[in-house]
């Protein structure tokens, strides 16, 4: 139900807006990486404006994701250490519970078993 809601009220309007944006900005612009020669650039190419804008958006998205990933490294490392510690403590607790159960079980031939 939630997925249908998101699909209908978020993704669909965003898609319509992106298509409208691409259609409104489909004229060619020159991308020039030669700041010294504006008339005859060494490296330049023409492409629709929306490709440059979408490219910048996706590059920012990827760079932001990478920066966030490295920024959260400390927390991932701490979570991994806590997970290992938790697993060790669980195993130790289970071992102690087994020892306790074994100590509480009456042995055959003991005075406790005769009662």
PDB file of N, CA and C in Angstrom:
ATOM      1  N   UNK A   1       0.825  -1.195   0.000  1.00  0.00           N
ATOM      2  CA  UNK A   1       0.000   0.000   0.000  1.00  0.00           C
ATOM      3  C   UNK A   1       0.869   1.259   0.000  1.00  0.00           C
ATOM      4  N   UNK A   2       1.884   1.281   0.887  1.00  0.00           N
ATOM      5  CA  UNK A   2       2.757   2.443   0.967  1.00  0.00           C
ATOM      6  C   UNK A   2       3.543   2.627  -0.330  1.00  0.00           C
ATOM      7  N   UNK A   3       4.003   1.510  -0.901  1.00  0.00           N
ATOM      8  CA  UNK A   3       4.770   1.577  -2.145  1.00  0.00           C
ATOM      9  C   UNK A   3       3.911   2.155  -3.274  1.00  0.00           C
ATOM     10  N   UNK A   4       2.644   1.773  -3.323  1.00  0.00           N
ATOM     11  CA  UNK A   4       1.739   2.301  -4.339  1.00  0.00           C
ATOM     12  C   UNK A   4       1.538   3.801  -4.132  1.00  0.00           C
ATOM     13  N   UNK A   5       1.395   4.226  -2.867  1.00  0.00           N
ATOM     14  CA  UNK A   5       1.225   5.638  -2.556  1.00  0.00           C
ATOM     15  C   UNK A   5       2.446   6.444  -3.006  1.00  0.00           C
ATOM     16  N   UNK A   6       3.636   5.950  -2.650  1.00  0.00           N
ATOM     17  CA  UNK A   6       4.872   6.649  -3.045  1.00  0.00           C
ATOM     18  C   UNK A   6       4.978   6.700  -4.554  1.00  0.00           C
ATOM     19  N   UNK A   7       4.679   5.591  -5.181  1.00  0.00           N
ATOM     20  CA  UNK A   7       4.759   5.535  -6.634  1.00  0.00           C
ATOM     21  C   UNK A   7       3.788   6.515  -7.294  1.00  0.00           C
ATOM     22  N   UNK A   8       2.601   6.598  -6.775  1.00  0.00           N
ATOM     23  CA  UNK A   8       1.570   7.424  -7.391  1.00  0.00           C
ATOM     24  C   UNK A   8       1.755   8.912  -7.100  1.00  0.00           C
ATOM     25  N   UNK A   9       2.106   9.259  -5.871  1.00  0.00           N
ATOM     26  CA  UNK A   9       2.132  10.666  -5.475  1.00  0.00           C
ATOM     27  C   UNK A   9       3.507  11.293  -5.393  1.00  0.00           C
ATOM     28  N   UNK A  10       4.554  10.503  -5.540  1.00  0.00           N
ATOM     29  CA  UNK A  10       5.903  11.078  -5.483  1.00  0.00           C
ATOM     30  C   UNK A  10       6.650  10.826  -6.794  1.00  0.00           C
ATOM     31  N   UNK A  11       6.780   9.574  -7.175  1.00  0.00           N
ATOM     32  CA  UNK A  11       7.582   9.222  -8.344  1.00  0.00           C
ATOM     33  C   UNK A  11       6.942   9.714  -9.634  1.00  0.00           C
ATOM     34  N   UNK A  12       5.669   9.540  -9.782  1.00  0.00           N
ATOM     35  CA  UNK A  12       4.990   9.966 -11.003  1.00  0.00           C
ATOM     36  C   UNK A  12       5.098  11.478 -11.232  1.00  0.00           C
ATOM     37  N   UNK A  13       4.776  12.338 -10.241  1.00  0.00           N
ATOM     38  CA  UNK A  13       4.943  13.779 -10.462  1.00  0.00           C
ATOM     39  C   UNK A  13       6.405  14.181 -10.689  1.00  0.00           C
ATOM     40  N   UNK A  14       7.335  13.527  -9.984  1.00  0.00           N
ATOM     41  CA  UNK A  14       8.755  13.845 -10.194  1.00  0.00           C
ATOM     42  C   UNK A  14       9.170  13.493 -11.615  1.00  0.00           C
ATOM     43  N   UNK A  15       8.702  12.367 -12.125  1.00  0.00           N
ATOM     44  CA  UNK A  15       9.008  11.977 -13.497  1.00  0.00           C
ATOM     45  C   UNK A  15       8.441  12.953 -14.515  1.00  0.00           C
ATOM     46  N   UNK A  16       7.206  13.399 -14.287  1.00  0.00           N
ATOM     47  CA  UNK A  16       6.586  14.375 -15.194  1.00  0.00           C
ATOM     48  C   UNK A  16       7.370  15.682 -15.182  1.00  0.00           C
ATOM     49  N   UNK A  17       7.789  16.125 -14.003  1.00  0.00           N
ATOM     50  CA  UNK A  17       8.560  17.371 -13.890  1.00  0.00           C
ATOM     51  C   UNK A  17       9.906  17.227 -14.590  1.00  0.00           C
ATOM     52  N   UNK A  18      10.584  16.093 -14.427  1.00  0.00           N
ATOM     53  CA  UNK A  18      11.881  15.890 -15.081  1.00  0.00           C
ATOM     54  C   UNK A  18      11.743  15.854 -16.599  1.00  0.00           C
ATOM     55  N   UNK A  19      10.712  15.216 -17.104  1.00  0.00           N
ATOM     56  CA  UNK A  19      10.496  15.184 -18.557  1.00  0.00           C
ATOM     57  C   UNK A  19      10.201  16.587 -19.079  1.00  0.00           C
ATOM     58  N   UNK A  20       9.369  17.334 -18.356  1.00  0.00           N
ATOM     59  CA  UNK A  20       9.066  18.708 -18.775  1.00  0.00           C
ATOM     60  C   UNK A  20      10.323  19.568 -18.754  1.00  0.00           C
ATOM     61  N   UNK A  21      11.164  19.382 -17.733  1.00  0.00           N
ATOM     62  CA  UNK A  21      12.419  20.133 -17.633  1.00  0.00           C
ATOM     63  C   UNK A  21      13.333  19.795 -18.803  1.00  0.00           C
ATOM     64  N   UNK A  22      13.442  18.512 -19.130  1.00  0.00           N
ATOM     65  CA  UNK A  22      14.302  18.098 -20.234  1.00  0.00           C
ATOM     66  C   UNK A  22      13.791  18.650 -21.565  1.00  0.00           C
ATOM     67  N   UNK A  23      12.485  18.650 -21.763  1.00  0.00           N
ATOM     68  CA  UNK A  23      11.936  19.188 -23.013  1.00  0.00           C
ATOM     69  C   UNK A  23      12.127  20.700 -23.113  1.00  0.00           C
ATOM     70  N   UNK A  24      12.043  21.404 -21.999  1.00  0.00           N
ATOM     71  CA  UNK A  24      12.203  22.860 -22.019  1.00  0.00           C
ATOM     72  C   UNK A  24      13.663  23.278 -22.189  1.00  0.00           C
ATOM     73  N   UNK A  25      14.616  22.396 -21.869  1.00  0.00           N
ATOM     74  CA  UNK A  25      16.040  22.745 -21.927  1.00  0.00           C
ATOM     75  C   UNK A  25      16.805  21.829 -22.868  1.00  0.00           C
ATOM     76  N   UNK A  26      16.251  21.579 -24.038  1.00  0.00           N
ATOM     77  CA  UNK A  26      16.899  20.657 -24.957  1.00  0.00           C
ATOM     78  C   UNK A  26      17.795  21.353 -25.983  1.00  0.00           C
ATOM     79  N   UNK A  27      17.926  22.665 -25.901  1.00  0.00           N
ATOM     80  CA  UNK A  27      18.810  23.357 -26.843  1.00  0.00           C
ATOM     81  C   UNK A  27      20.273  23.083 -26.473  1.00  0.00           C
ATOM     82  N   UNK A  28      21.122  23.076 -27.498  1.00  0.00           N
ATOM     83  CA  UNK A  28      22.537  22.769 -27.281  1.00  0.00           C
ATOM     84  C   UNK A  28      23.268  23.949 -26.660  1.00  0.00           C
ATOM     85  N   UNK A  29      24.167  23.608 -25.742  1.00  0.00           N
ATOM     86  CA  UNK A  29      25.085  24.589 -25.160  1.00  0.00           C
ATOM     87  C   UNK A  29      26.484  24.009 -25.275  1.00  0.00           C
ATOM     88  N   UNK A  30      27.468  24.894 -25.237  1.00  0.00           N
ATOM     89  CA  UNK A  30      28.861  24.469 -25.371  1.00  0.00           C
ATOM     90  C   UNK A  30      29.486  24.306 -23.994  1.00  0.00           C
ATOM     91  N   UNK A  31      30.089  23.151 -23.783  1.00  0.00           N
ATOM     92  CA  UNK A  31      30.832  22.863 -22.559  1.00  0.00           C
ATOM     93  C   UNK A  31      32.302  23.029 -22.903  1.00  0.00           C
ATOM     94  N   UNK A  32      32.955  24.023 -22.300  1.00  0.00           N
ATOM     95  CA  UNK A  32      34.306  24.402 -22.659  1.00  0.00           C
ATOM     96  C   UNK A  32      35.217  24.245 -21.448  1.00  0.00           C
ATOM     97  N   UNK A  33      36.275  23.452 -21.592  1.00  0.00           N
ATOM     98  CA  UNK A  33      37.246  23.273 -20.511  1.00  0.00           C
ATOM     99  C   UNK A  33      38.586  23.935 -20.825  1.00  0.00           C
ATOM    100  N   UNK A  34      38.593  24.865 -21.759  1.00  0.00           N
ATOM    101  CA  UNK A  34      39.813  25.587 -22.107  1.00  0.00           C
ATOM    102  C   UNK A  34      39.617  27.062 -21.789  1.00  0.00           C
ATOM    103  N   UNK A  35      40.035  27.530 -20.613  1.00  0.00           N
ATOM    104  CA  UNK A  35      39.771  28.918 -20.217  1.00  0.00           C
ATOM    105  C   UNK A  35      40.610  29.944 -20.978  1.00  0.00           C
ATOM    106  N   UNK A  36      41.662  29.522 -21.670  1.00  0.00           N
ATOM    107  CA  UNK A  36      42.542  30.475 -22.345  1.00  0.00           C
ATOM    108  C   UNK A  36      42.104  30.791 -23.764  1.00  0.00           C
ATOM    109  N   UNK A  37      41.363  29.909 -24.371  1.00  0.00           N
ATOM    110  CA  UNK A  37      40.969  30.115 -25.758  1.00  0.00           C
ATOM    111  C   UNK A  37      39.456  29.937 -25.893  1.00  0.00           C
ATOM    112  N   UNK A  38      38.734  31.019 -25.741  1.00  0.00           N
ATOM    113  CA  UNK A  38      37.273  30.948 -25.822  1.00  0.00           C
ATOM    114  C   UNK A  38      36.797  30.791 -27.267  1.00  0.00           C
ATOM    115  N   UNK A  39      37.536  31.345 -28.239  1.00  0.00           N
ATOM    116  CA  UNK A  39      37.110  31.281 -29.637  1.00  0.00           C
ATOM    117  C   UNK A  39      37.350  29.906 -30.254  1.00  0.00           C
ATOM    118  N   UNK A  40      38.506  29.346 -30.013  1.00  0.00           N
ATOM    119  CA  UNK A  40      38.853  28.037 -30.567  1.00  0.00           C
ATOM    120  C   UNK A  40      39.361  27.147 -29.435  1.00  0.00           C
ATOM    121  N   UNK A  41      38.445  26.617 -28.640  1.00  0.00           N
ATOM    122  CA  UNK A  41      38.868  25.840 -27.470  1.00  0.00           C
ATOM    123  C   UNK A  41      39.474  24.500 -27.869  1.00  0.00           C
ATOM    124  N   UNK A  42      40.430  24.053 -27.059  1.00  0.00           N
ATOM    125  CA  UNK A  42      41.081  22.770 -27.289  1.00  0.00           C
ATOM    126  C   UNK A  42      40.151  21.615 -26.938  1.00  0.00           C
ATOM    127  N   UNK A  43      39.409  21.764 -25.836  1.00  0.00           N
ATOM    128  CA  UNK A  43      38.492  20.707 -25.423  1.00  0.00           C
ATOM    129  C   UNK A  43      37.126  21.320 -25.143  1.00  0.00           C
ATOM    130  N   UNK A  44      36.184  21.093 -26.043  1.00  0.00           N
ATOM    131  CA  UNK A  44      34.818  21.590 -25.882  1.00  0.00           C
ATOM    132  C   UNK A  44      33.882  20.682 -26.673  1.00  0.00           C
ATOM    133  N   UNK A  45      32.663  20.599 -26.195  1.00  0.00           N
ATOM    134  CA  UNK A  45      31.660  19.855 -26.954  1.00  0.00           C
ATOM    135  C   UNK A  45      30.290  20.437 -26.670  1.00  0.00           C
ATOM    136  N   UNK A  46      29.391  20.185 -27.598  1.00  0.00           N
ATOM    137  CA  UNK A  46      28.020  20.678 -27.491  1.00  0.00           C
ATOM    138  C   UNK A  46      27.098  19.527 -27.096  1.00  0.00           C
ATOM    139  N   UNK A  47      26.156  19.849 -26.212  1.00  0.00           N
ATOM    140  CA  UNK A  47      25.160  18.864 -25.781  1.00  0.00           C
ATOM    141  C   UNK A  47      23.959  19.627 -25.244  1.00  0.00           C
ATOM    142  N   UNK A  48      22.811  18.983 -25.155  1.00  0.00           N
ATOM    143  CA  UNK A  48      21.638  19.652 -24.596  1.00  0.00           C
ATOM    144  C   UNK A  48      21.887  20.061 -23.134  1.00  0.00           C
ATOM    145  N   UNK A  49      21.319  21.202 -22.761  1.00  0.00           N
ATOM    146  CA  UNK A  49      21.521  21.753 -21.425  1.00  0.00           C
ATOM    147  C   UNK A  49      21.071  20.788 -20.329  1.00  0.00           C
ATOM    148  N   UNK A  50      19.946  20.093 -20.541  1.00  0.00           N
ATOM    149  CA  UNK A  50      19.449  19.214 -19.479  1.00  0.00           C
ATOM    150  C   UNK A  50      20.426  18.081 -19.166  1.00  0.00           C
ATOM    151  N   UNK A  51      21.238  17.649 -20.142  1.00  0.00           N
ATOM    152  CA  UNK A  51      22.237  16.615 -19.863  1.00  0.00           C
ATOM    153  C   UNK A  51      23.295  17.120 -18.888  1.00  0.00           C
ATOM    154  N   UNK A  52      23.721  18.370 -19.059  1.00  0.00           N
ATOM    155  CA  UNK A  52      24.698  18.936 -18.130  1.00  0.00           C
ATOM    156  C   UNK A  52      24.107  19.089 -16.734  1.00  0.00           C
ATOM    157  N   UNK A  53      22.868  19.518 -16.655  1.00  0.00           N
ATOM    158  CA  UNK A  53      22.231  19.716 -15.344  1.00  0.00           C
ATOM    159  C   UNK A  53      22.004  18.370 -14.659  1.00  0.00           C
ATOM    160  N   UNK A  54      21.482  17.377 -15.400  1.00  0.00           N
ATOM    161  CA  UNK A  54      21.295  16.050 -14.812  1.00  0.00           C
ATOM    162  C   UNK A  54      22.644  15.432 -14.428  1.00  0.00           C
ATOM    163  N   UNK A  55      23.645  15.628 -15.271  1.00  0.00           N
ATOM    164  CA  UNK A  55      24.986  15.111 -14.964  1.00  0.00           C
ATOM    165  C   UNK A  55      25.542  15.720 -13.689  1.00  0.00           C
ATOM    166  N   UNK A  56      25.377  17.027 -13.522  1.00  0.00           N
ATOM    167  CA  UNK A  56      25.843  17.691 -12.301  1.00  0.00           C
ATOM    168  C   UNK A  56      25.077  17.181 -11.080  1.00  0.00           C
ATOM    169  N   UNK A  57      23.765  16.975 -11.250  1.00  0.00           N
ATOM    170  CA  UNK A  57      22.954  16.461 -10.150  1.00  0.00           C
ATOM    171  C   UNK A  57      23.423  15.068  -9.728  1.00  0.00           C
ATOM    172  N   UNK A  58      23.605  14.174 -10.694  1.00  0.00           N
ATOM    173  CA  UNK A  58      24.022  12.807 -10.368  1.00  0.00           C
ATOM    174  C   UNK A  58      25.456  12.765  -9.839  1.00  0.00           C
ATOM    175  N   UNK A  59      26.333  13.616 -10.364  1.00  0.00           N
ATOM    176  CA  UNK A  59      27.696  13.674  -9.824  1.00  0.00           C
ATOM    177  C   UNK A  59      27.661  14.135  -8.368  1.00  0.00           C
ATOM    178  N   UNK A  60      26.846  15.134  -8.064  1.00  0.00           N
ATOM    179  CA  UNK A  60      26.706  15.587  -6.677  1.00  0.00           C
ATOM    180  C   UNK A  60      26.122  14.522  -5.789  1.00  0.00           C
ATOM    181  N   UNK A  61      25.170  13.770  -6.313  1.00  0.00           N
ATOM    182  CA  UNK A  61      24.566  12.672  -5.552  1.00  0.00           C
ATOM    183  C   UNK A  61      25.603  11.604  -5.216  1.00  0.00           C
ATOM    184  N   UNK A  62      26.412  11.249  -6.181  1.00  0.00           N
ATOM    185  CA  UNK A  62      27.435  10.219  -5.971  1.00  0.00           C
ATOM    186  C   UNK A  62      28.521  10.726  -5.028  1.00  0.00           C
ATOM    187  N   UNK A  63      28.991  11.940  -5.232  1.00  0.00           N
ATOM    188  CA  UNK A  63      30.018  12.507  -4.357  1.00  0.00           C
ATOM    189  C   UNK A  63      29.488  12.644  -2.933  1.00  0.00           C
ATOM    190  N   UNK A  64      28.262  13.087  -2.781  1.00  0.00           N
ATOM    191  CA  UNK A  64      27.658  13.193  -1.453  1.00  0.00           C
ATOM    192  C   UNK A  64      27.533  11.842  -0.777  1.00  0.00           C
ATOM    193  N   UNK A  65      27.163  10.821  -1.526  1.00  0.00           N
ATOM    194  CA  UNK A  65      27.078   9.471  -0.973  1.00  0.00           C
ATOM    195  C   UNK A  65      28.431   8.954  -0.510  1.00  0.00           C
ATOM    196  N   UNK A  66      29.466   9.216  -1.293  1.00  0.00           N
ATOM    197  CA  UNK A  66      30.817   8.779  -0.926  1.00  0.00           C
ATOM    198  C   UNK A  66      31.290   9.504   0.321  1.00  0.00           C
ATOM    199  N   UNK A  67      31.080  10.809   0.384  1.00  0.00           N
ATOM    200  CA  UNK A  67      31.487  11.591   1.559  1.00  0.00           C
ATOM    201  C   UNK A  67      30.729  11.113   2.796  1.00  0.00           C
ATOM    202  N   UNK A  68      29.443  10.846   2.666  1.00  0.00           N
ATOM    203  CA  UNK A  68      28.654  10.343   3.793  1.00  0.00           C
ATOM    204  C   UNK A  68      29.156   8.985   4.232  1.00  0.00           C
ATOM    205  N   UNK A  69      29.472   8.110   3.279  1.00  0.00           N
ATOM    206  CA  UNK A  69      29.969   6.773   3.598  1.00  0.00           C
ATOM    207  C   UNK A  69      31.250   6.872   4.428  1.00  0.00           C
ATOM    208  N   UNK A  70      32.196   7.695   3.984  1.00  0.00           N
ATOM    209  CA  UNK A  70      33.446   7.834   4.731  1.00  0.00           C
ATOM    210  C   UNK A  70      33.229   8.543   6.063  1.00  0.00           C
ATOM    211  N   UNK A  71      32.299   9.471   6.104  1.00  0.00           N
ATOM    212  CA  UNK A  71      32.003  10.179   7.345  1.00  0.00           C
ATOM    213  C   UNK A  71      31.387   9.284   8.404  1.00  0.00           C
ATOM    214  N   UNK A  72      30.676   8.246   7.994  1.00  0.00           N
ATOM    215  CA  UNK A  72      30.037   7.342   8.936  1.00  0.00           C
ATOM    216  C   UNK A  72      30.907   6.135   9.265  1.00  0.00           C
ATOM    217  N   UNK A  73      32.126   6.102   8.770  1.00  0.00           N
ATOM    218  CA  UNK A  73      33.020   4.966   9.000  1.00  0.00           C
ATOM    219  C   UNK A  73      33.267   4.705  10.475  1.00  0.00           C
ATOM    220  N   UNK A  74      33.401   5.762  11.251  1.00  0.00           N
ATOM    221  CA  UNK A  74      33.634   5.628  12.689  1.00  0.00           C
ATOM    222  C   UNK A  74      32.477   4.876  13.345  1.00  0.00           C
ATOM    223  N   UNK A  75      31.267   5.216  12.954  1.00  0.00           N
ATOM    224  CA  UNK A  75      30.091   4.594  13.560  1.00  0.00           C
ATOM    225  C   UNK A  75      29.926   3.145  13.116  1.00  0.00           C
ATOM    226  N   UNK A  76      30.261   2.852  11.853  1.00  0.00           N
ATOM    227  CA  UNK A  76      30.196   1.474  11.389  1.00  0.00           C
ATOM    228  C   UNK A  76      31.213   0.611  12.126  1.00  0.00           C
ATOM    229  N   UNK A  77      32.411   1.163  12.332  1.00  0.00           N
ATOM    230  CA  UNK A  77      33.451   0.433  13.058  1.00  0.00           C
ATOM    231  C   UNK A  77      33.010   0.157  14.490  1.00  0.00           C
ATOM    232  N   UNK A  78      32.424   1.147  15.140  1.00  0.00           N
ATOM    233  CA  UNK A  78      31.945   0.976  16.511  1.00  0.00           C
ATOM    234  C   UNK A  78      30.800  -0.044  16.571  1.00  0.00           C
ATOM    235  N   UNK A  79      29.886   0.008  15.617  1.00  0.00           N
ATOM    236  CA  UNK A  79      28.771  -0.949  15.590  1.00  0.00           C
ATOM    237  C   UNK A  79      29.287  -2.369  15.394  1.00  0.00           C
ATOM    238  N   UNK A  80      30.290  -2.541  14.549  1.00  0.00           N
ATOM    239  CA  UNK A  80      30.853  -3.863  14.332  1.00  0.00           C
ATOM    240  C   UNK A  80      31.504  -4.392  15.610  1.00  0.00           C
ATOM    241  N   UNK A  81      32.227  -3.533  16.320  1.00  0.00           N
ATOM    242  CA  UNK A  81      32.861  -3.941  17.574  1.00  0.00           C
ATOM    243  C   UNK A  81      31.804  -4.310  18.615  1.00  0.00           C
ATOM    244  N   UNK A  82      30.739  -3.509  18.707  1.00  0.00           N
ATOM    245  CA  UNK A  82      29.665  -3.802  19.664  1.00  0.00           C
ATOM    246  C   UNK A  82      28.954  -5.105  19.309  1.00  0.00           C
ATOM    247  N   UNK A  83      28.794  -5.374  18.031  1.00  0.00           N
ATOM    248  CA  UNK A  83      28.158  -6.610  17.594  1.00  0.00           C
ATOM    249  C   UNK A  83      29.005  -7.813  17.991  1.00  0.00           C
ATOM    250  N   UNK A  84      30.331  -7.716  17.800  1.00  0.00           N
ATOM    251  CA  UNK A  84      31.223  -8.796  18.207  1.00  0.00           C
ATOM    252  C   UNK A  84      31.168  -9.004  19.717  1.00  0.00           C
ATOM    253  N   UNK A  85      31.177  -7.897  20.459  1.00  0.00           N
ATOM    254  CA  UNK A  85      31.118  -7.981  21.919  1.00  0.00           C
ATOM    255  C   UNK A  85      29.799  -8.622  22.357  1.00  0.00           C
ATOM    256  N   UNK A  86      28.724  -8.254  21.727  1.00  0.00           N
ATOM    257  CA  UNK A  86      27.417  -8.816  22.050  1.00  0.00           C
ATOM    258  C   UNK A  86      27.385 -10.314  21.778  1.00  0.00           C
ATOM    259  N   UNK A  87      27.932 -10.742  20.658  1.00  0.00           N
ATOM    260  CA  UNK A  87      27.961 -12.173  20.333  1.00  0.00           C
ATOM    261  C   UNK A  87      28.795 -12.931  21.354  1.00  0.00           C
ATOM    262  N   UNK A  88      29.921 -12.367  21.765  1.00  0.00           N
ATOM    263  CA  UNK A  88      30.766 -13.008  22.772  1.00  0.00           C
ATOM    264  C   UNK A  88      30.025 -13.132  24.095  1.00  0.00           C
ATOM    265  N   UNK A  89      29.355 -12.062  24.499  1.00  0.00           N
ATOM    266  CA  UNK A  89      28.619 -12.083  25.762  1.00  0.00           C
ATOM    267  C   UNK A  89      27.443 -13.057  25.713  1.00  0.00           C
ATOM    268  N   UNK A  90      26.763 -13.160  24.564  1.00  0.00           N
ATOM    269  CA  UNK A  90      25.678 -14.122  24.426  1.00  0.00           C
ATOM    270  C   UNK A  90      26.186 -15.557  24.577  1.00  0.00           C
ATOM    271  N   UNK A  91      27.308 -15.841  23.927  1.00  0.00           N
ATOM    272  CA  UNK A  91      27.881 -17.188  24.019  1.00  0.00           C
ATOM    273  C   UNK A  91      28.297 -17.492  25.453  1.00  0.00           C
ATOM    274  N   UNK A  92      28.896 -16.518  26.106  1.00  0.00           N
ATOM    275  CA  UNK A  92      29.305 -16.709  27.500  1.00  0.00           C
ATOM    276  C   UNK A  92      28.087 -16.921  28.403  1.00  0.00           C
ATOM    277  N   UNK A  93      27.029 -16.150  28.176  1.00  0.00           N
ATOM    278  CA  UNK A  93      25.806 -16.304  28.959  1.00  0.00           C
ATOM    279  C   UNK A  93      25.202 -17.689  28.754  1.00  0.00           C
ATOM    280  N   UNK A  94      25.168 -18.173  27.521  1.00  0.00           N
ATOM    281  CA  UNK A  94      24.631 -19.495  27.232  1.00  0.00           C
ATOM    282  C   UNK A  94      25.462 -20.577  27.914  1.00  0.00           C
ATOM    283  N   UNK A  95      26.767 -20.418  27.879  1.00  0.00           N
ATOM    284  CA  UNK A  95      27.651 -21.389  28.527  1.00  0.00           C
ATOM    285  C   UNK A  95      27.410 -21.401  30.039  1.00  0.00           C
ATOM    286  N   UNK A  96      27.267 -20.241  30.656  1.00  0.00           N
ATOM    287  CA  UNK A  96      27.014 -20.162  32.094  1.00  0.00           C
ATOM    288  C   UNK A  96      25.646 -20.740  32.441  1.00  0.00           C
ATOM    289  N   UNK A  97      24.635 -20.514  31.593  1.00  0.00           N
ATOM    290  CA  UNK A  97      23.317 -21.106  31.823  1.00  0.00           C
ATOM    291  C   UNK A  97      23.374 -22.625  31.770  1.00  0.00           C
ATOM    292  N   UNK A  98      24.130 -23.166  30.818  1.00  0.00           N
ATOM    293  CA  UNK A  98      24.284 -24.615  30.733  1.00  0.00           C
ATOM    294  C   UNK A  98      24.972 -25.167  31.974  1.00  0.00           C
ATOM    295  N   UNK A  99      26.007 -24.467  32.445  1.00  0.00           N
ATOM    296  CA  UNK A  99      26.695 -24.894  33.671  1.00  0.00           C
ATOM    297  C   UNK A  99      25.750 -24.844  34.864  1.00  0.00           C
ATOM    298  N   UNK A 100      24.930 -23.820  34.929  1.00  0.00           N
ATOM    299  CA  UNK A 100      23.969 -23.691  36.026  1.00  0.00           C
ATOM    300  C   UNK A 100      22.934 -24.816  35.979  1.00  0.00           C
ATOM    301  N   UNK A 101      22.421 -25.132  34.802  1.00  0.00           N
ATOM    302  CA  UNK A 101      21.462 -26.226  34.667  1.00  0.00           C
ATOM    303  C   UNK A 101      22.097 -27.561  35.050  1.00  0.00           C
ATOM    304  N   UNK A 102      23.346 -27.757  34.638  1.00  0.00           N
ATOM    305  CA  UNK A 102      24.043 -28.993  34.977  1.00  0.00           C
ATOM    306  C   UNK A 102      24.268 -29.091  36.485  1.00  0.00           C
ATOM    307  N   UNK A 103      24.535 -27.982  37.132  1.00  0.00           N
ATOM    308  CA  UNK A 103      24.761 -27.986  38.581  1.00  0.00           C
ATOM    309  C   UNK A 103      23.462 -28.208  39.336  1.00  0.00           C
ATOM    310  N   UNK A 104      22.343 -27.809  38.767  1.00  0.00           N
ATOM    311  CA  UNK A 104      21.055 -27.940  39.445  1.00  0.00           C
ATOM    312  C   UNK A 104      20.393 -29.291  39.187  1.00  0.00           C
ATOM    313  N   UNK A 105      20.831 -30.051  38.203  1.00  0.00           N
ATOM    314  CA  UNK A 105      20.254 -31.361  37.905  1.00  0.00           C
ATOM    315  C   UNK A 105      20.728 -32.363  38.953  1.00  0.00           C
ATOM    316  N   UNK A 106      19.789 -33.048  39.626  1.00  0.00           N
ATOM    317  CA  UNK A 106      20.189 -34.028  40.643  1.00  0.00           C
ATOM    318  C   UNK A 106      20.895 -35.219  39.980  1.00  0.00           C
ATOM    319  N   UNK A 107      21.977 -35.673  40.607  1.00  0.00           N
ATOM    320  CA  UNK A 107      22.758 -36.787  40.077  1.00  0.00           C
ATOM    321  C   UNK A 107      22.197 -38.101  40.593  1.00  0.00           C
ATOM    322  N   UNK A 108      22.318 -39.140  39.826  1.00  0.00           N
ATOM    323  CA  UNK A 108      21.835 -40.470  40.244  1.00  0.00           C
ATOM    324  C   UNK A 108      22.713 -40.952  41.389  1.00  0.00           C
ATOM    325  N   UNK A 109      22.073 -41.396  42.430  1.00  0.00           N
ATOM    326  CA  UNK A 109      22.795 -41.918  43.592  1.00  0.00           C
ATOM    327  C   UNK A 109      23.102 -40.844  44.628  1.00  0.00           C
ATOM    328  N   UNK A 110      22.750 -39.619  44.330  1.00  0.00           N
ATOM    329  CA  UNK A 110      22.993 -38.558  45.324  1.00  0.00           C
ATOM    330  C   UNK A 110      21.803 -38.462  46.256  1.00  0.00           C
ATOM    331  N   UNK A 111      21.974 -37.885  47.452  1.00  0.00           N
ATOM    332  CA  UNK A 111      20.870 -37.786  48.395  1.00  0.00           C
ATOM    333  C   UNK A 111      19.718 -36.960  47.828  1.00  0.00           C
ATOM    334  N   UNK A 112      19.995 -36.005  46.970  1.00  0.00           N
ATOM    335  CA  UNK A 112      18.958 -35.140  46.391  1.00  0.00           C
ATOM    336  C   UNK A 112      18.061 -35.941  45.459  1.00  0.00           C
ATOM    337  N   UNK A 113      18.613 -36.920  44.749  1.00  0.00           N
ATOM    338  CA  UNK A 113      17.836 -37.719  43.791  1.00  0.00           C
ATOM    339  C   UNK A 113      16.917 -38.689  44.501  1.00  0.00           C
ATOM    340  N   UNK A 114      17.250 -39.098  45.745  1.00  0.00           N
ATOM    341  CA  UNK A 114      16.428 -40.053  46.482  1.00  0.00           C
ATOM    342  C   UNK A 114      15.164 -39.438  46.996  1.00  0.00           C
ATOM    343  N   UNK A 115      15.121 -38.162  47.109  1.00  0.00           N
ATOM    344  CA  UNK A 115      13.932 -37.482  47.695  1.00  0.00           C
ATOM    345  C   UNK A 115      12.784 -37.462  46.789  1.00  0.00           C
TER     346      UNK A 115
END
